[in-house]
Amino acid sequence: MSSPRARRALDDIPVYRPGKAATSEDHKLSSNENPFAPLPGVMERAAVELGRMNRYPDAGMTALYEALSARHGLSPDHFAAGTGSVAVLFALLTAHLEAGDEIVYAWRSFEAYPIAADLTGATTVRVPLRADSTHDLDAMAAAVTDRTRVVLVCTPNNPTGPVVAADELHRFLDTVPDDVLVVIDEAYVEFVRDPSAADGLAALAARGNVVVLRTFSKAYGLAGLRVGYAIARPAVAESIRKATPPFAVTDLSQAAAVASLDAQEALDERVEEIVQERIAMVAALRGQGWQVPETEANFVWLPLGEDAMDFAAAADPVSVRPFAGDGVRISIGAPEVNALLVSRAAAWRAAH
């Protein structure tokens, strides 16, 4: 018996692979999750919405956009939210790409990029990272043609960790035509401590073709509620909202996001704890002889090549994220779990 055929565009698109489940949540270092419980006030504000789940959420996301407007000093029409920044990206590419267009991005980068891009029917142009796992913006600029409509820049880069430098981004943007959208994915921006790092909001203020992606999933610890957003010029933000399904973000999620924005002091303390754990893990791994790229995110990268899957198996009971033939991404978790991972890394290295 035959069945209806899906679009041919799906034939070569892989299913997104989430991080492997660990023996316990505490040992899960595979999904770049925040190891802390929700910020103060978040549970209480979100719980209020549980009593009215029979109602549709605010499709205009009024309170969320007002809170983001106050945080970033921009009018509410500069924002477009969705179920995580990845969903916002899907909507953005749906709004701005079609068959015959091109999209340029570095590789390896966020695993969802090729899925989101290929679904539009556009042609993907992947530009290899440099040997130090950073974006090669000169090569990306050279890859832009008159068919290019979107360029993705992930900083810090997922899964390798380095940031794009501000001066490099500035030179790059000078070369990109004004009718090409440059999407700066800053999902991990709260963890950045490098003073030379690019600032997506500064780039947006200076140029009309920049879009900045942010999320509440990482630093804010709302991965399970799925809230992300784009910051863009109003016309671009509107195009994203048009391509986003109505009622996408629940009132519970909106309330939790707004409450998280109100807990800045607690957020800063937690992020700094994660940053210090990151610094300690990098030092420990390098002390064992590992080649660890500079990272400004809440994870580290081991460029293990063909040994990636073997290392991931040996890390048990800690789960990490292997990319077959490429490397392993290790999220920063609780101190005791980080220490266990470091000991597993030492054992693996001693055996090899």
Protein backbone atom coordinates (compact mmCIF):
# COMPACT_ATOMS: atom_id res chain seq x y z
CA MET A 1 0.00 0.00 0.00
CA SER A 2 1.42 3.37 -1.01
CA SER A 3 1.21 6.48 1.15
CA PRO A 4 1.23 10.21 0.36
CA ARG A 5 4.71 11.52 -0.43
CA ALA A 6 6.21 14.36 1.55
CA ARG A 7 8.03 17.23 -0.17
CA ARG A 8 11.20 16.16 -1.96
CA ALA A 9 13.05 18.82 0.02
CA LEU A 10 12.76 16.51 3.03
CA ASP A 11 14.62 13.64 1.35
CA ASP A 12 18.09 14.82 2.37
CA ILE A 13 17.16 16.63 5.58
CA PRO A 14 18.12 14.82 8.79
CA VAL A 15 15.85 14.72 11.80
CA TYR A 16 17.17 17.02 14.52
CA ARG A 17 18.95 14.92 17.14
CA PRO A 18 18.50 16.11 20.74
CA GLY A 19 21.16 15.53 23.34
CA LYS A 20 21.34 11.97 24.62
CA ALA A 21 19.45 11.29 27.83
CA ALA A 22 21.64 10.65 30.87
CA THR A 23 21.14 8.13 33.65
CA SER A 24 19.91 11.13 35.63
CA GLU A 25 19.25 14.78 34.77
CA ASP A 26 22.20 15.76 36.96
CA HIS A 27 24.59 13.91 34.65
CA LYS A 28 23.25 15.41 31.43
CA LEU A 29 25.93 17.60 29.84
CA SER A 30 24.67 17.09 26.31
CA SER A 31 22.11 19.85 25.75
CA ASN A 32 23.65 23.10 27.04
CA GLU A 33 21.01 23.34 29.74
CA ASN A 34 21.28 25.55 32.80
CA PRO A 35 21.92 23.37 35.90
CA PHE A 36 20.06 25.79 38.19
CA ALA A 37 16.37 25.79 39.10
CA PRO A 38 14.22 28.66 37.74
CA LEU A 39 15.12 32.15 38.88
CA PRO A 40 13.38 33.70 41.93
CA GLY A 41 9.77 34.62 41.25
CA VAL A 42 9.48 32.62 38.04
CA MET A 43 7.59 29.62 39.43
CA GLU A 44 5.08 31.84 41.23
CA ARG A 45 4.38 34.03 38.18
CA ALA A 46 4.11 31.06 35.84
CA ALA A 47 1.84 29.10 38.22
CA VAL A 48 -0.79 31.84 38.01
CA GLU A 49 -1.21 31.03 34.33
CA LEU A 50 -1.90 27.35 35.01
CA GLY A 51 -5.33 28.25 36.36
CA ARG A 52 -6.37 29.76 33.04
CA MET A 53 -5.03 27.16 30.63
CA ASN A 54 -8.51 26.89 29.12
CA ARG A 55 -7.84 30.28 27.49
CA TYR A 56 -5.72 30.98 24.45
CA PRO A 57 -2.47 32.82 25.16
CA ASP A 58 -1.92 36.45 24.28
CA ALA A 59 -1.07 36.15 20.57
CA GLY A 60 0.38 39.66 20.60
CA MET A 61 2.75 38.74 23.47
CA THR A 62 2.11 42.22 24.79
CA ALA A 63 3.69 41.93 28.23
CA LEU A 64 6.74 40.08 26.87
CA TYR A 65 7.38 42.62 24.13
CA GLU A 66 6.94 45.47 26.59
CA ALA A 67 9.44 43.87 28.97
CA LEU A 68 11.94 43.29 26.14
CA SER A 69 11.37 46.85 24.97
CA ALA A 70 12.24 48.18 28.42
CA ARG A 71 15.30 45.91 28.66
CA HIS A 72 16.78 46.81 25.28
CA GLY A 73 15.58 50.38 24.85
CA LEU A 74 13.72 49.64 21.62
CA SER A 75 10.05 49.91 20.73
CA PRO A 76 7.99 46.69 20.92
CA ASP A 77 7.76 46.46 17.12
CA HIS A 78 11.46 45.55 17.03
CA PHE A 79 10.73 42.09 18.51
CA ALA A 80 9.42 38.78 17.22
CA ALA A 81 9.15 35.87 19.66
CA GLY A 82 8.59 32.17 19.18
CA THR A 83 9.08 28.77 20.78
CA GLY A 84 12.82 29.14 21.24
CA SER A 85 15.22 31.07 19.03
CA VAL A 86 15.38 28.06 16.72
CA ALA A 87 11.67 28.44 15.92
CA VAL A 88 12.21 32.14 15.35
CA LEU A 89 14.99 31.24 12.93
CA PHE A 90 12.72 28.83 11.04
CA ALA A 91 10.12 31.59 10.72
CA LEU A 92 12.72 34.13 9.61
CA LEU A 93 14.06 31.85 6.87
CA THR A 94 10.55 30.98 5.76
CA ALA A 95 9.86 34.69 5.40
CA HIS A 96 13.06 35.54 3.53
CA LEU A 97 14.17 32.52 1.50
CA GLU A 98 12.75 30.60 -1.43
CA ALA A 99 13.97 28.31 -4.20
CA GLY A 100 16.80 29.94 -6.13
CA ASP A 101 18.08 31.95 -3.17
CA GLU A 102 21.27 31.20 -1.23
CA ILE A 103 22.06 31.17 2.47
CA VAL A 104 25.62 31.29 3.80
CA TYR A 105 26.78 30.04 7.18
CA ALA A 106 29.87 28.62 8.87
CA TRP A 107 30.26 24.91 9.43
CA ARG A 108 30.35 23.27 11.81
CA SER A 109 27.78 25.43 13.55
CA PHE A 110 24.30 24.95 15.05
CA GLU A 111 22.88 21.65 13.85
CA ALA A 112 19.45 23.15 13.12
CA TYR A 113 20.80 25.58 10.51
CA PRO A 114 20.88 23.14 7.58
CA ILE A 115 17.44 21.79 8.50
CA ALA A 116 15.88 25.25 8.64
CA ALA A 117 17.66 26.36 5.47
CA ASP A 118 16.94 23.28 3.36
CA LEU A 119 13.22 23.36 4.18
CA THR A 120 12.92 26.67 2.35
CA GLY A 121 14.25 25.21 -0.90
CA ALA A 122 17.15 27.67 -0.92
CA THR A 123 20.72 26.61 -1.68
CA THR A 124 22.98 26.21 1.32
CA VAL A 125 26.56 27.49 1.14
CA ARG A 126 28.67 26.17 4.03
CA VAL A 127 31.98 27.85 4.81
CA PRO A 128 34.42 25.77 6.90
CA LEU A 129 35.52 27.10 10.26
CA ARG A 130 39.15 28.07 10.65
CA ALA A 131 41.57 25.67 12.32
CA ASP A 132 40.96 27.36 15.69
CA SER A 133 37.18 26.68 15.39
CA THR A 134 36.34 30.33 14.67
CA HIS A 135 34.26 31.81 11.86
CA ASP A 136 36.24 32.64 8.70
CA LEU A 137 34.38 35.84 7.91
CA ASP A 138 36.63 36.69 4.97
CA ALA A 139 35.72 33.40 3.33
CA MET A 140 32.06 33.91 4.20
CA ALA A 141 32.13 37.37 2.61
CA ALA A 142 33.68 35.85 -0.52
CA ALA A 143 30.85 33.28 -0.61
CA VAL A 144 28.16 35.97 -0.84
CA THR A 145 26.74 36.28 -4.36
CA ASP A 146 23.90 38.17 -5.99
CA ARG A 147 21.68 35.21 -5.03
CA THR A 148 22.51 35.40 -1.32
CA ARG A 149 19.61 36.53 0.84
CA VAL A 150 20.68 35.47 4.36
CA VAL A 151 23.96 34.96 6.22
CA LEU A 152 24.05 33.26 9.65
CA VAL A 153 26.72 34.18 12.19
CA CYS A 154 26.69 32.19 15.43
CA THR A 155 28.61 33.89 18.25
CA PRO A 156 29.58 32.20 20.51
CA ASN A 157 29.56 29.42 17.96
CA ASN A 158 27.62 26.28 18.83
CA PRO A 159 29.16 23.69 19.22
CA THR A 160 32.78 24.95 19.16
CA GLY A 161 32.55 27.93 21.55
CA PRO A 162 34.59 30.86 20.13
CA VAL A 163 33.12 34.31 19.54
CA VAL A 164 33.35 36.53 16.50
CA ALA A 165 35.48 39.60 17.20
CA ALA A 166 33.82 43.01 16.94
CA ASP A 167 36.33 44.38 14.45
CA GLU A 168 35.97 41.30 12.24
CA LEU A 169 32.18 41.58 12.25
CA HIS A 170 32.36 45.28 11.43
CA ARG A 171 34.60 44.64 8.40
CA PHE A 172 32.36 41.77 7.33
CA LEU A 173 29.20 43.86 7.49
CA ASP A 174 30.90 46.52 5.38
CA THR A 175 31.18 43.98 2.55
CA VAL A 176 27.67 42.52 2.72
CA PRO A 177 25.04 44.16 0.50
CA ASP A 178 22.26 45.99 2.31
CA ASP A 179 19.63 43.64 0.89
CA VAL A 180 21.22 40.58 2.54
CA LEU A 181 20.04 39.77 6.07
CA VAL A 182 22.86 39.04 8.51
CA VAL A 183 21.46 36.98 11.38
CA ILE A 184 23.65 37.15 14.49
CA ASP A 185 22.73 34.21 16.70
CA GLU A 186 23.56 35.19 20.29
CA ALA A 187 21.95 32.31 22.17
CA TYR A 188 24.90 32.25 24.59
CA VAL A 189 25.66 35.96 24.83
CA GLU A 190 25.18 36.17 28.61
CA PHE A 191 28.21 33.92 29.13
CA VAL A 192 30.60 36.07 27.06
CA ARG A 193 33.46 37.70 28.95
CA ASP A 194 35.79 38.56 26.06
CA PRO A 195 35.84 42.38 25.74
CA SER A 196 36.74 42.12 22.05
CA ALA A 197 33.62 40.08 21.22
CA ALA A 198 31.10 41.35 18.70
CA ASP A 199 27.94 43.01 20.00
CA GLY A 200 24.91 42.11 17.92
CA LEU A 201 22.79 44.95 19.27
CA ALA A 202 25.47 47.50 18.38
CA ALA A 203 25.56 46.06 14.86
CA LEU A 204 21.76 46.27 14.65
CA ALA A 205 21.81 49.91 15.76
CA ALA A 206 24.21 50.76 12.95
CA ARG A 207 22.73 48.69 10.11
CA GLY A 208 19.26 47.93 8.83
CA ASN A 209 20.05 44.41 7.57
CA VAL A 210 21.05 42.87 10.92
CA VAL A 211 18.86 40.54 12.98
CA VAL A 212 19.86 39.39 16.47
CA LEU A 213 18.57 36.12 17.94
CA ARG A 214 18.30 35.66 21.71
CA THR A 215 16.81 32.96 23.92
CA PHE A 216 15.55 32.31 27.44
CA SER A 217 16.61 28.64 27.19
CA LYS A 218 20.27 28.94 28.20
CA ALA A 219 21.28 31.55 30.77
CA TYR A 220 17.71 32.08 31.99
CA GLY A 221 17.07 28.36 32.42
CA LEU A 222 13.71 28.17 30.63
CA ALA A 223 14.66 25.48 28.11
CA GLY A 224 11.52 23.48 28.86
CA LEU A 225 9.17 26.43 28.25
CA ARG A 226 10.58 27.43 24.83
CA VAL A 227 10.86 31.20 24.52
CA GLY A 228 13.22 32.89 22.11
CA TYR A 229 13.09 36.11 20.15
CA ALA A 230 14.54 38.15 17.33
CA ILE A 231 15.51 41.80 17.57
CA ALA A 232 15.36 43.54 14.20
CA ARG A 233 14.19 46.62 12.38
CA PRO A 234 10.37 46.78 12.59
CA ALA A 235 9.75 45.67 8.98
CA VAL A 236 11.96 42.61 9.40
CA ALA A 237 10.47 41.77 12.81
CA GLU A 238 6.99 41.99 11.28
CA SER A 239 7.96 39.54 8.54
CA ILE A 240 9.04 37.04 11.20
CA ARG A 241 5.81 37.48 13.14
CA LYS A 242 3.82 36.87 9.95
CA ALA A 243 5.60 33.53 9.44
CA THR A 244 5.11 32.44 13.07
CA PRO A 245 2.04 30.31 13.93
CA PRO A 246 -0.50 32.21 16.06
CA PHE A 247 -0.58 31.51 19.80
CA ALA A 248 2.88 29.92 19.54
CA VAL A 249 4.18 30.95 22.97
CA THR A 250 1.97 30.04 25.92
CA ASP A 251 0.98 32.58 28.56
CA LEU A 252 2.81 30.42 31.09
CA SER A 253 6.00 30.74 29.06
CA GLN A 254 5.50 34.45 28.50
CA ALA A 255 4.98 35.05 32.22
CA ALA A 256 8.08 33.03 33.09
CA ALA A 257 10.17 34.99 30.61
CA VAL A 258 8.99 38.35 31.97
CA ALA A 259 9.65 37.20 35.54
CA SER A 260 13.13 36.06 34.51
CA LEU A 261 13.90 39.51 33.15
CA ASP A 262 12.95 40.91 36.56
CA ALA A 263 15.53 38.70 38.32
CA GLN A 264 18.67 40.21 36.80
CA GLU A 265 20.81 40.15 39.95
CA ALA A 266 20.18 36.45 40.56
CA LEU A 267 20.76 35.74 36.87
CA ASP A 268 24.12 37.51 36.92
CA GLU A 269 25.25 35.48 39.95
CA ARG A 270 24.28 32.17 38.37
CA VAL A 271 25.83 32.97 35.02
CA GLU A 272 29.07 33.94 36.72
CA GLU A 273 29.13 30.60 38.56
CA ILE A 274 28.78 28.80 35.23
CA VAL A 275 31.51 30.95 33.67
CA GLN A 276 33.89 30.11 36.52
CA GLU A 277 33.10 26.40 36.13
CA ARG A 278 33.78 26.76 32.40
CA ILE A 279 37.15 28.35 33.07
CA ALA A 280 38.03 25.57 35.51
CA MET A 281 36.97 22.81 33.09
CA VAL A 282 38.96 24.29 30.22
CA ALA A 283 42.05 24.57 32.43
CA ALA A 284 41.65 20.99 33.67
CA LEU A 285 41.21 19.54 30.19
CA ARG A 286 44.11 21.52 28.76
CA GLY A 287 46.18 20.35 31.70
CA GLN A 288 45.49 16.79 30.56
CA GLY A 289 46.79 17.69 27.10
CA TRP A 290 43.50 18.25 25.29
CA GLN A 291 43.27 20.81 22.48
CA VAL A 292 40.33 22.91 23.70
CA PRO A 293 39.30 25.94 21.61
CA GLU A 294 38.62 29.23 23.35
CA THR A 295 35.00 29.20 24.50
CA GLU A 296 32.71 31.99 25.64
CA ALA A 297 29.61 29.83 25.93
CA ASN A 298 28.32 27.40 28.59
CA PHE A 299 30.09 24.46 26.94
CA VAL A 300 33.49 23.30 25.75
CA TRP A 301 34.49 21.53 22.53
CA LEU A 302 36.86 18.62 22.07
CA PRO A 303 37.86 18.22 18.38
CA LEU A 304 38.14 14.44 18.57
CA GLY A 305 37.44 13.61 14.94
CA GLU A 306 36.79 9.91 14.42
CA ASP A 307 37.12 9.26 18.17
CA ALA A 308 34.08 11.36 19.08
CA MET A 309 31.63 8.49 19.48
CA ASP A 310 34.11 6.38 21.45
CA PHE A 311 34.77 9.21 23.89
CA ALA A 312 31.04 9.83 24.36
CA ALA A 313 30.49 6.18 25.27
CA ALA A 314 33.40 6.25 27.70
CA ALA A 315 32.05 9.35 29.47
CA ASP A 316 29.15 7.34 30.93
CA PRO A 317 27.35 8.00 33.29
CA VAL A 318 27.82 11.57 32.08
CA SER A 319 26.10 12.25 28.74
CA VAL A 320 27.88 14.52 26.29
CA ARG A 321 27.03 15.53 22.72
CA PRO A 322 29.15 13.75 20.08
CA PHE A 323 29.19 14.82 16.44
CA ALA A 324 30.38 11.76 14.54
CA GLY A 325 33.70 12.29 12.79
CA ASP A 326 34.06 15.77 14.21
CA GLY A 327 34.11 16.30 17.97
CA VAL A 328 32.31 16.33 21.30
CA ARG A 329 30.49 19.22 22.96
CA ILE A 330 30.38 19.19 26.75
CA SER A 331 27.95 21.47 28.57
CA ILE A 332 28.86 23.05 31.89
CA GLY A 333 26.83 21.51 34.69
CA ALA A 334 27.04 21.29 38.45
CA PRO A 335 30.59 21.26 39.88
CA GLU A 336 30.52 17.62 40.93
CA VAL A 337 29.31 16.50 37.50
CA ASN A 338 31.93 18.63 35.77
CA ALA A 339 34.58 17.02 37.97
CA LEU A 340 33.31 13.55 37.07
CA LEU A 341 33.49 14.41 33.37
CA VAL A 342 37.06 15.68 33.75
CA SER A 343 38.03 12.42 35.45
CA ARG A 344 36.43 10.43 32.62
CA ALA A 345 38.37 12.53 30.11
CA ALA A 346 41.62 11.81 31.95
CA ALA A 347 40.91 8.09 31.97
CA TRP A 348 40.08 8.07 28.26
CA ARG A 349 43.21 9.99 27.40
CA ALA A 350 45.39 7.67 29.50
CA ALA A 351 43.94 4.68 27.65
CA HIS A 352 44.58 6.22 24.23
